[in-house]
Amino acid sequence: MIYLVATLKIEPGSKDKVLAAARPCIAATREEKGCISYDLHQSLTDENTLVFVERWENREALDGHFKQPHMLAWREAGGPYFLDRKIEIINPDTVDNL
């Protein structure tokens, strides 16, 4: 099993638009083969920080996720509101930063 933690800083005032764009992707991703869990959280101390916490069976499943139409649509719809992002892939041996 591997984890992906994606921390997104979004433009102030854009949270509702970002969440609306994310919801279809979240629902579709949870149906993907190899997805164990896929959750979006909001920081308790900064309303403009969102964190995806994902669990995948393996790297191949995660790599396939990146190519899914709903993921591409999410990037296009949400991307204009991202000010910064940090993506970490955590596996049993290492932490990879993208």
PDB file of N, CA and C in Angstrom:
ATOM      1  N   MET A   1       0.849  -1.176   0.000  1.00  0.00           N
ATOM      2  CA  MET A   1       0.000   0.000   0.000  1.00  0.00           C
ATOM      3  C   MET A   1       0.891   1.234   0.000  1.00  0.00           C
ATOM      4  N   ILE A   2       0.419   2.280  -0.694  1.00  0.00           N
ATOM      5  CA  ILE A   2       1.097   3.576  -0.674  1.00  0.00           C
ATOM      6  C   ILE A   2       0.082   4.663  -0.347  1.00  0.00           C
ATOM      7  N   TYR A   3       0.600   5.773   0.134  1.00  0.00           N
ATOM      8  CA  TYR A   3      -0.206   6.951   0.435  1.00  0.00           C
ATOM      9  C   TYR A   3       0.209   8.087  -0.482  1.00  0.00           C
ATOM     10  N   LEU A   4      -0.733   8.945  -0.798  1.00  0.00           N
ATOM     11  CA  LEU A   4      -0.434  10.214  -1.438  1.00  0.00           C
ATOM     12  C   LEU A   4      -1.072  11.290  -0.573  1.00  0.00           C
ATOM     13  N   VAL A   5      -0.284  12.312  -0.236  1.00  0.00           N
ATOM     14  CA  VAL A   5      -0.787  13.463   0.510  1.00  0.00           C
ATOM     15  C   VAL A   5      -0.537  14.687  -0.354  1.00  0.00           C
ATOM     16  N   ALA A   6      -1.608  15.339  -0.769  1.00  0.00           N
ATOM     17  CA  ALA A   6      -1.510  16.531  -1.617  1.00  0.00           C
ATOM     18  C   ALA A   6      -2.038  17.724  -0.828  1.00  0.00           C
ATOM     19  N   THR A   7      -1.171  18.693  -0.596  1.00  0.00           N
ATOM     20  CA  THR A   7      -1.542  19.908   0.121  1.00  0.00           C
ATOM     21  C   THR A   7      -1.679  21.033  -0.886  1.00  0.00           C
ATOM     22  N   LEU A   8      -2.864  21.630  -0.935  1.00  0.00           N
ATOM     23  CA  LEU A   8      -3.163  22.687  -1.895  1.00  0.00           C
ATOM     24  C   LEU A   8      -3.429  23.994  -1.174  1.00  0.00           C
ATOM     25  N   LYS A   9      -2.747  25.032  -1.581  1.00  0.00           N
ATOM     26  CA  LYS A   9      -3.077  26.394  -1.138  1.00  0.00           C
ATOM     27  C   LYS A   9      -3.926  26.991  -2.250  1.00  0.00           C
ATOM     28  N   ILE A  10      -5.100  27.492  -1.892  1.00  0.00           N
ATOM     29  CA  ILE A  10      -6.011  28.031  -2.894  1.00  0.00           C
ATOM     30  C   ILE A  10      -6.228  29.527  -2.678  1.00  0.00           C
ATOM     31  N   GLU A  11      -6.698  30.173  -3.725  1.00  0.00           N
ATOM     32  CA  GLU A  11      -6.976  31.611  -3.633  1.00  0.00           C
ATOM     33  C   GLU A  11      -8.039  31.877  -2.571  1.00  0.00           C
ATOM     34  N   PRO A  12      -7.850  32.911  -1.773  1.00  0.00           N
ATOM     35  CA  PRO A  12      -8.892  33.275  -0.809  1.00  0.00           C
ATOM     36  C   PRO A  12     -10.225  33.506  -1.525  1.00  0.00           C
ATOM     37  N   GLY A  13     -11.292  32.992  -0.926  1.00  0.00           N
ATOM     38  CA  GLY A  13     -12.621  33.152  -1.495  1.00  0.00           C
ATOM     39  C   GLY A  13     -12.996  32.140  -2.565  1.00  0.00           C
ATOM     40  N   SER A  14     -12.107  31.209  -2.885  1.00  0.00           N
ATOM     41  CA  SER A  14     -12.388  30.250  -3.960  1.00  0.00           C
ATOM     42  C   SER A  14     -12.803  28.870  -3.460  1.00  0.00           C
ATOM     43  N   LYS A  15     -12.888  28.695  -2.149  1.00  0.00           N
ATOM     44  CA  LYS A  15     -13.136  27.363  -1.583  1.00  0.00           C
ATOM     45  C   LYS A  15     -14.377  26.702  -2.161  1.00  0.00           C
ATOM     46  N   ASP A  16     -15.485  27.403  -2.263  1.00  0.00           N
ATOM     47  CA  ASP A  16     -16.715  26.788  -2.769  1.00  0.00           C
ATOM     48  C   ASP A  16     -16.547  26.320  -4.215  1.00  0.00           C
ATOM     49  N   LYS A  17     -15.864  27.105  -5.038  1.00  0.00           N
ATOM     50  CA  LYS A  17     -15.630  26.719  -6.431  1.00  0.00           C
ATOM     51  C   LYS A  17     -14.705  25.504  -6.514  1.00  0.00           C
ATOM     52  N   VAL A  18     -13.680  25.502  -5.692  1.00  0.00           N
ATOM     53  CA  VAL A  18     -12.739  24.379  -5.695  1.00  0.00           C
ATOM     54  C   VAL A  18     -13.432  23.102  -5.222  1.00  0.00           C
ATOM     55  N   LEU A  19     -14.205  23.190  -4.172  1.00  0.00           N
ATOM     56  CA  LEU A  19     -14.910  22.006  -3.676  1.00  0.00           C
ATOM     57  C   LEU A  19     -15.928  21.491  -4.684  1.00  0.00           C
ATOM     58  N   ALA A  20     -16.619  22.386  -5.350  1.00  0.00           N
ATOM     59  CA  ALA A  20     -17.581  21.969  -6.377  1.00  0.00           C
ATOM     60  C   ALA A  20     -16.867  21.250  -7.522  1.00  0.00           C
ATOM     61  N   ALA A  21     -15.683  21.713  -7.874  1.00  0.00           N
ATOM     62  CA  ALA A  21     -14.907  21.061  -8.935  1.00  0.00           C
ATOM     63  C   ALA A  21     -14.355  19.715  -8.476  1.00  0.00           C
ATOM     64  N   ALA A  22     -14.033  19.601  -7.184  1.00  0.00           N
ATOM     65  CA  ALA A  22     -13.430  18.380  -6.653  1.00  0.00           C
ATOM     66  C   ALA A  22     -14.432  17.248  -6.445  1.00  0.00           C
ATOM     67  N   ARG A  23     -15.655  17.555  -6.132  1.00  0.00           N
ATOM     68  CA  ARG A  23     -16.624  16.514  -5.759  1.00  0.00           C
ATOM     69  C   ARG A  23     -16.796  15.414  -6.811  1.00  0.00           C
ATOM     70  N   PRO A  24     -16.968  15.743  -8.103  1.00  0.00           N
ATOM     71  CA  PRO A  24     -17.106  14.656  -9.093  1.00  0.00           C
ATOM     72  C   PRO A  24     -15.852  13.788  -9.178  1.00  0.00           C
ATOM     73  N   CYS A  25     -14.689  14.398  -9.039  1.00  0.00           N
ATOM     74  CA  CYS A  25     -13.444  13.644  -9.078  1.00  0.00           C
ATOM     75  C   CYS A  25     -13.343  12.713  -7.870  1.00  0.00           C
ATOM     76  N   ILE A  26     -13.707  13.198  -6.715  1.00  0.00           N
ATOM     77  CA  ILE A  26     -13.654  12.372  -5.512  1.00  0.00           C
ATOM     78  C   ILE A  26     -14.556  11.157  -5.668  1.00  0.00           C
ATOM     79  N   ALA A  27     -15.788  11.366  -6.109  1.00  0.00           N
ATOM     80  CA  ALA A  27     -16.735  10.253  -6.266  1.00  0.00           C
ATOM     81  C   ALA A  27     -16.225   9.232  -7.277  1.00  0.00           C
ATOM     82  N   ALA A  28     -15.731   9.693  -8.410  1.00  0.00           N
ATOM     83  CA  ALA A  28     -15.242   8.773  -9.445  1.00  0.00           C
ATOM     84  C   ALA A  28     -13.975   8.055  -9.002  1.00  0.00           C
ATOM     85  N   THR A  29     -13.092   8.753  -8.321  1.00  0.00           N
ATOM     86  CA  THR A  29     -11.841   8.143  -7.866  1.00  0.00           C
ATOM     87  C   THR A  29     -12.105   7.032  -6.879  1.00  0.00           C
ATOM     88  N   ARG A  30     -13.068   7.205  -6.008  1.00  0.00           N
ATOM     89  CA  ARG A  30     -13.378   6.164  -5.019  1.00  0.00           C
ATOM     90  C   ARG A  30     -13.842   4.865  -5.669  1.00  0.00           C
ATOM     91  N   GLU A  31     -14.254   4.927  -6.929  1.00  0.00           N
ATOM     92  CA  GLU A  31     -14.682   3.739  -7.680  1.00  0.00           C
ATOM     93  C   GLU A  31     -13.539   3.100  -8.473  1.00  0.00           C
ATOM     94  N   GLU A  32     -12.394   3.749  -8.523  1.00  0.00           N
ATOM     95  CA  GLU A  32     -11.271   3.229  -9.309  1.00  0.00           C
ATOM     96  C   GLU A  32     -10.686   1.963  -8.687  1.00  0.00           C
ATOM     97  N   LYS A  33     -10.265   1.067  -9.558  1.00  0.00           N
ATOM     98  CA  LYS A  33      -9.574  -0.136  -9.115  1.00  0.00           C
ATOM     99  C   LYS A  33      -8.271   0.285  -8.439  1.00  0.00           C
ATOM    100  N   GLY A  34      -8.003  -0.254  -7.284  1.00  0.00           N
ATOM    101  CA  GLY A  34      -6.775   0.046  -6.565  1.00  0.00           C
ATOM    102  C   GLY A  34      -6.882   1.173  -5.562  1.00  0.00           C
ATOM    103  N   CYS A  35      -8.002   1.899  -5.577  1.00  0.00           N
ATOM    104  CA  CYS A  35      -8.196   2.992  -4.605  1.00  0.00           C
ATOM    105  C   CYS A  35      -8.744   2.398  -3.305  1.00  0.00           C
ATOM    106  N   ILE A  36      -8.011   2.592  -2.231  1.00  0.00           N
ATOM    107  CA  ILE A  36      -8.458   2.126  -0.920  1.00  0.00           C
ATOM    108  C   ILE A  36      -9.252   3.229  -0.226  1.00  0.00           C
ATOM    109  N   SER A  37      -8.749   4.454  -0.275  1.00  0.00           N
ATOM    110  CA  SER A  37      -9.488   5.598   0.265  1.00  0.00           C
ATOM    111  C   SER A  37      -9.000   6.872  -0.418  1.00  0.00           C
ATOM    112  N   TYR A  38      -9.874   7.865  -0.469  1.00  0.00           N
ATOM    113  CA  TYR A  38      -9.587   9.122  -1.164  1.00  0.00           C
ATOM    114  C   TYR A  38     -10.416  10.198  -0.483  1.00  0.00           C
ATOM    115  N   ASP A  39      -9.780  11.010   0.347  1.00  0.00           N
ATOM    116  CA  ASP A  39     -10.503  11.982   1.164  1.00  0.00           C
ATOM    117  C   ASP A  39      -9.895  13.372   1.045  1.00  0.00           C
ATOM    118  N   LEU A  40     -10.743  14.372   1.097  1.00  0.00           N
ATOM    119  CA  LEU A  40     -10.325  15.762   1.050  1.00  0.00           C
ATOM    120  C   LEU A  40     -10.656  16.417   2.382  1.00  0.00           C
ATOM    121  N   HIS A  41      -9.671  17.122   2.948  1.00  0.00           N
ATOM    122  CA  HIS A  41      -9.823  17.786   4.233  1.00  0.00           C
ATOM    123  C   HIS A  41      -9.472  19.267   4.092  1.00  0.00           C
ATOM    124  N   GLN A  42     -10.040  20.069   4.959  1.00  0.00           N
ATOM    125  CA  GLN A  42      -9.696  21.489   5.026  1.00  0.00           C
ATOM    126  C   GLN A  42      -8.924  21.719   6.321  1.00  0.00           C
ATOM    127  N   SER A  43      -7.872  22.514   6.244  1.00  0.00           N
ATOM    128  CA  SER A  43      -7.094  22.852   7.427  1.00  0.00           C
ATOM    129  C   SER A  43      -7.987  23.528   8.465  1.00  0.00           C
ATOM    130  N   LEU A  44      -7.754  23.207   9.720  1.00  0.00           N
ATOM    131  CA  LEU A  44      -8.491  23.851  10.811  1.00  0.00           C
ATOM    132  C   LEU A  44      -7.978  25.260  11.086  1.00  0.00           C
ATOM    133  N   THR A  45      -6.755  25.547  10.657  1.00  0.00           N
ATOM    134  CA  THR A  45      -6.145  26.843  10.961  1.00  0.00           C
ATOM    135  C   THR A  45      -6.060  27.771   9.761  1.00  0.00           C
ATOM    136  N   ASP A  46      -6.291  27.243   8.545  1.00  0.00           N
ATOM    137  CA  ASP A  46      -6.208  28.065   7.328  1.00  0.00           C
ATOM    138  C   ASP A  46      -7.249  27.575   6.334  1.00  0.00           C
ATOM    139  N   GLU A  47      -8.320  28.317   6.193  1.00  0.00           N
ATOM    140  CA  GLU A  47      -9.413  27.878   5.315  1.00  0.00           C
ATOM    141  C   GLU A  47      -8.994  27.777   3.849  1.00  0.00           C
ATOM    142  N   ASN A  48      -7.849  28.322   3.507  1.00  0.00           N
ATOM    143  CA  ASN A  48      -7.370  28.274   2.127  1.00  0.00           C
ATOM    144  C   ASN A  48      -6.357  27.162   1.892  1.00  0.00           C
ATOM    145  N   THR A  49      -6.274  26.229   2.827  1.00  0.00           N
ATOM    146  CA  THR A  49      -5.418  25.060   2.673  1.00  0.00           C
ATOM    147  C   THR A  49      -6.295  23.812   2.688  1.00  0.00           C
ATOM    148  N   LEU A  50      -6.206  23.045   1.608  1.00  0.00           N
ATOM    149  CA  LEU A  50      -6.928  21.788   1.478  1.00  0.00           C
ATOM    150  C   LEU A  50      -5.907  20.658   1.372  1.00  0.00           C
ATOM    151  N   VAL A  51      -6.268  19.495   1.919  1.00  0.00           N
ATOM    152  CA  VAL A  51      -5.352  18.366   1.903  1.00  0.00           C
ATOM    153  C   VAL A  51      -6.096  17.112   1.456  1.00  0.00           C
ATOM    154  N   PHE A  52      -5.619  16.526   0.358  1.00  0.00           N
ATOM    155  CA  PHE A  52      -6.088  15.212  -0.063  1.00  0.00           C
ATOM    156  C   PHE A  52      -5.227  14.169   0.628  1.00  0.00           C
ATOM    157  N   VAL A  53      -5.854  13.152   1.210  1.00  0.00           N
ATOM    158  CA  VAL A  53      -5.148  12.008   1.762  1.00  0.00           C
ATOM    159  C   VAL A  53      -5.700  10.781   1.039  1.00  0.00           C
ATOM    160  N   GLU A  54      -4.805  10.108   0.327  1.00  0.00           N
ATOM    161  CA  GLU A  54      -5.203   8.984  -0.525  1.00  0.00           C
ATOM    162  C   GLU A  54      -4.430   7.732  -0.126  1.00  0.00           C
ATOM    163  N   ARG A  55      -5.102   6.579  -0.230  1.00  0.00           N
ATOM    164  CA  ARG A  55      -4.425   5.285  -0.047  1.00  0.00           C
ATOM    165  C   ARG A  55      -4.690   4.453  -1.296  1.00  0.00           C
ATOM    166  N   TRP A  56      -3.620   3.891  -1.833  1.00  0.00           N
ATOM    167  CA  TRP A  56      -3.681   3.098  -3.058  1.00  0.00           C
ATOM    168  C   TRP A  56      -3.038   1.737  -2.835  1.00  0.00           C
ATOM    169  N   GLU A  57      -3.537   0.742  -3.543  1.00  0.00           N
ATOM    170  CA  GLU A  57      -2.964  -0.605  -3.422  1.00  0.00           C
ATOM    171  C   GLU A  57      -1.500  -0.632  -3.842  1.00  0.00           C
ATOM    172  N   ASN A  58      -1.158   0.119  -4.894  1.00  0.00           N
ATOM    173  CA  ASN A  58       0.213   0.114  -5.405  1.00  0.00           C
ATOM    174  C   ASN A  58       0.426   1.330  -6.304  1.00  0.00           C
ATOM    175  N   ARG A  59       1.663   1.516  -6.726  1.00  0.00           N
ATOM    176  CA  ARG A  59       2.013   2.672  -7.555  1.00  0.00           C
ATOM    177  C   ARG A  59       1.344   2.606  -8.918  1.00  0.00           C
ATOM    178  N   GLU A  60       1.163   1.424  -9.451  1.00  0.00           N
ATOM    179  CA  GLU A  60       0.507   1.284 -10.754  1.00  0.00           C
ATOM    180  C   GLU A  60      -0.919   1.819 -10.714  1.00  0.00           C
ATOM    181  N   ALA A  61      -1.645   1.531  -9.643  1.00  0.00           N
ATOM    182  CA  ALA A  61      -3.009   2.053  -9.509  1.00  0.00           C
ATOM    183  C   ALA A  61      -2.996   3.574  -9.421  1.00  0.00           C
ATOM    184  N   LEU A  62      -2.052   4.117  -8.666  1.00  0.00           N
ATOM    185  CA  LEU A  62      -1.941   5.570  -8.546  1.00  0.00           C
ATOM    186  C   LEU A  62      -1.585   6.207  -9.886  1.00  0.00           C
ATOM    187  N   ASP A  63      -0.637   5.616 -10.600  1.00  0.00           N
ATOM    188  CA  ASP A  63      -0.257   6.150 -11.908  1.00  0.00           C
ATOM    189  C   ASP A  63      -1.435   6.135 -12.873  1.00  0.00           C
ATOM    190  N   GLY A  64      -2.260   5.090 -12.813  1.00  0.00           N
ATOM    191  CA  GLY A  64      -3.455   5.024 -13.648  1.00  0.00           C
ATOM    192  C   GLY A  64      -4.453   6.115 -13.285  1.00  0.00           C
ATOM    193  N   HIS A  65      -4.548   6.419 -12.012  1.00  0.00           N
ATOM    194  CA  HIS A  65      -5.458   7.472 -11.534  1.00  0.00           C
ATOM    195  C   HIS A  65      -5.125   8.816 -12.176  1.00  0.00           C
ATOM    196  N   PHE A  66      -3.844   9.122 -12.292  1.00  0.00           N
ATOM    197  CA  PHE A  66      -3.427  10.405 -12.858  1.00  0.00           C
ATOM    198  C   PHE A  66      -3.911  10.599 -14.292  1.00  0.00           C
ATOM    199  N   LYS A  67      -4.233   9.520 -14.986  1.00  0.00           N
ATOM    200  CA  LYS A  67      -4.621   9.574 -16.400  1.00  0.00           C
ATOM    201  C   LYS A  67      -6.133   9.524 -16.611  1.00  0.00           C
ATOM    202  N   GLN A  68      -6.889   9.367 -15.552  1.00  0.00           N
ATOM    203  CA  GLN A  68      -8.340   9.228 -15.661  1.00  0.00           C
ATOM    204  C   GLN A  68      -8.992  10.537 -16.109  1.00  0.00           C
ATOM    205  N   PRO A  69     -10.061  10.460 -16.922  1.00  0.00           N
ATOM    206  CA  PRO A  69     -10.743  11.679 -17.383  1.00  0.00           C
ATOM    207  C   PRO A  69     -11.226  12.579 -16.246  1.00  0.00           C
ATOM    208  N   HIS A  70     -11.734  11.978 -15.167  1.00  0.00           N
ATOM    209  CA  HIS A  70     -12.209  12.811 -14.053  1.00  0.00           C
ATOM    210  C   HIS A  70     -11.056  13.534 -13.352  1.00  0.00           C
ATOM    211  N   MET A  71      -9.876  12.947 -13.361  1.00  0.00           N
ATOM    212  CA  MET A  71      -8.711  13.612 -12.772  1.00  0.00           C
ATOM    213  C   MET A  71      -8.255  14.772 -13.658  1.00  0.00           C
ATOM    214  N   LEU A  72      -8.262  14.552 -14.950  1.00  0.00           N
ATOM    215  CA  LEU A  72      -7.893  15.621 -15.878  1.00  0.00           C
ATOM    216  C   LEU A  72      -8.889  16.778 -15.806  1.00  0.00           C
ATOM    217  N   ALA A  73     -10.182  16.444 -15.682  1.00  0.00           N
ATOM    218  CA  ALA A  73     -11.212  17.488 -15.561  1.00  0.00           C
ATOM    219  C   ALA A  73     -11.036  18.272 -14.259  1.00  0.00           C
ATOM    220  N   TRP A  74     -10.705  17.587 -13.167  1.00  0.00           N
ATOM    221  CA  TRP A  74     -10.474  18.245 -11.886  1.00  0.00           C
ATOM    222  C   TRP A  74      -9.302  19.215 -11.972  1.00  0.00           C
ATOM    223  N   ARG A  75      -8.215  18.775 -12.596  1.00  0.00           N
ATOM    224  CA  ARG A  75      -7.042  19.652 -12.730  1.00  0.00           C
ATOM    225  C   ARG A  75      -7.376  20.908 -13.532  1.00  0.00           C
ATOM    226  N   GLU A  76      -8.161  20.730 -14.576  1.00  0.00           N
ATOM    227  CA  GLU A  76      -8.520  21.879 -15.415  1.00  0.00           C
ATOM    228  C   GLU A  76      -9.444  22.841 -14.667  1.00  0.00           C
ATOM    229  N   ALA A  77     -10.430  22.285 -13.946  1.00  0.00           N
ATOM    230  CA  ALA A  77     -11.406  23.131 -13.250  1.00  0.00           C
ATOM    231  C   ALA A  77     -10.834  23.754 -11.979  1.00  0.00           C
ATOM    232  N   GLY A  78     -10.054  23.003 -11.235  1.00  0.00           N
ATOM    233  CA  GLY A  78      -9.537  23.506  -9.969  1.00  0.00           C
ATOM    234  C   GLY A  78      -8.231  24.255 -10.087  1.00  0.00           C
ATOM    235  N   GLY A  79      -7.426  23.894 -11.076  1.00  0.00           N
ATOM    236  CA  GLY A  79      -6.087  24.451 -11.232  1.00  0.00           C
ATOM    237  C   GLY A  79      -5.979  25.958 -11.203  1.00  0.00           C
ATOM    238  N   PRO A  80      -6.904  26.684 -11.834  1.00  0.00           N
ATOM    239  CA  PRO A  80      -6.783  28.150 -11.818  1.00  0.00           C
ATOM    240  C   PRO A  80      -6.839  28.770 -10.420  1.00  0.00           C
ATOM    241  N   TYR A  81      -7.331  28.023  -9.437  1.00  0.00           N
ATOM    242  CA  TYR A  81      -7.460  28.541  -8.078  1.00  0.00           C
ATOM    243  C   TYR A  81      -6.294  28.139  -7.175  1.00  0.00           C
ATOM    244  N   PHE A  82      -5.375  27.313  -7.680  1.00  0.00           N
ATOM    245  CA  PHE A  82      -4.250  26.849  -6.869  1.00  0.00           C
ATOM    246  C   PHE A  82      -3.158  27.914  -6.836  1.00  0.00           C
ATOM    247  N   LEU A  83      -2.737  28.282  -5.658  1.00  0.00           N
ATOM    248  CA  LEU A  83      -1.604  29.184  -5.495  1.00  0.00           C
ATOM    249  C   LEU A  83      -0.312  28.397  -5.306  1.00  0.00           C
ATOM    250  N   ASP A  84      -0.431  27.219  -4.687  1.00  0.00           N
ATOM    251  CA  ASP A  84       0.724  26.363  -4.440  1.00  0.00           C
ATOM    252  C   ASP A  84       0.214  24.953  -4.185  1.00  0.00           C
ATOM    253  N   ARG A  85       1.076  23.981  -4.438  1.00  0.00           N
ATOM    254  CA  ARG A  85       0.711  22.609  -4.119  1.00  0.00           C
ATOM    255  C   ARG A  85       1.966  21.818  -3.788  1.00  0.00           C
ATOM    256  N   LYS A  86       1.793  20.871  -2.892  1.00  0.00           N
ATOM    257  CA  LYS A  86       2.870  19.956  -2.511  1.00  0.00           C
ATOM    258  C   LYS A  86       2.285  18.560  -2.529  1.00  0.00           C
ATOM    259  N   ILE A  87       2.932  17.666  -3.253  1.00  0.00           N
ATOM    260  CA  ILE A  87       2.452  16.291  -3.354  1.00  0.00           C
ATOM    261  C   ILE A  87       3.540  15.361  -2.855  1.00  0.00           C
ATOM    262  N   GLU A  88       3.182  14.517  -1.886  1.00  0.00           N
ATOM    263  CA  GLU A  88       4.103  13.525  -1.352  1.00  0.00           C
ATOM    264  C   GLU A  88       3.515  12.144  -1.563  1.00  0.00           C
ATOM    265  N   ILE A  89       4.340  11.243  -2.063  1.00  0.00           N
ATOM    266  CA  ILE A  89       3.943   9.847  -2.202  1.00  0.00           C
ATOM    267  C   ILE A  89       4.753   9.063  -1.179  1.00  0.00           C
ATOM    268  N   ILE A  90       4.042   8.419  -0.283  1.00  0.00           N
ATOM    269  CA  ILE A  90       4.677   7.724   0.829  1.00  0.00           C
ATOM    270  C   ILE A  90       4.475   6.223   0.623  1.00  0.00           C
ATOM    271  N   ASN A  91       5.588   5.515   0.491  1.00  0.00           N
ATOM    272  CA  ASN A  91       5.525   4.068   0.375  1.00  0.00           C
ATOM    273  C   ASN A  91       6.347   3.465   1.510  1.00  0.00           C
ATOM    274  N   PRO A  92       6.375   2.166   1.635  1.00  0.00           N
ATOM    275  CA  PRO A  92       7.056   1.574   2.793  1.00  0.00           C
ATOM    276  C   PRO A  92       8.528   1.972   2.961  1.00  0.00           C
ATOM    277  N   ASP A  93       9.196   2.362   1.883  1.00  0.00           N
ATOM    278  CA  ASP A  93      10.626   2.636   1.967  1.00  0.00           C
ATOM    279  C   ASP A  93      11.016   4.097   1.843  1.00  0.00           C
ATOM    280  N   THR A  94      10.200   4.919   1.153  1.00  0.00           N
ATOM    281  CA  THR A  94      10.622   6.276   0.855  1.00  0.00           C
ATOM    282  C   THR A  94       9.430   7.238   0.849  1.00  0.00           C
ATOM    283  N   VAL A  95       9.771   8.524   0.799  1.00  0.00           N
ATOM    284  CA  VAL A  95       8.794   9.575   0.544  1.00  0.00           C
ATOM    285  C   VAL A  95       9.261  10.299  -0.707  1.00  0.00           C
ATOM    286  N   ASP A  96       8.434  10.288  -1.752  1.00  0.00           N
ATOM    287  CA  ASP A  96       8.761  10.961  -3.004  1.00  0.00           C
ATOM    288  C   ASP A  96       7.973  12.248  -3.086  1.00  0.00           C
ATOM    289  N   ASN A  97       8.631  13.334  -3.433  1.00  0.00           N
ATOM    290  CA  ASN A  97       7.962  14.621  -3.640  1.00  0.00           C
ATOM    291  C   ASN A  97       7.808  14.858  -5.128  1.00  0.00           C
ATOM    292  N   LEU A  98       6.608  15.243  -5.548  1.00  0.00           N
ATOM    293  CA  LEU A  98       6.364  15.557  -6.952  1.00  0.00           C
ATOM    294  C   LEU A  98       6.294  17.050  -7.143  1.00  0.00           C
TER     295      LEU A  98
END
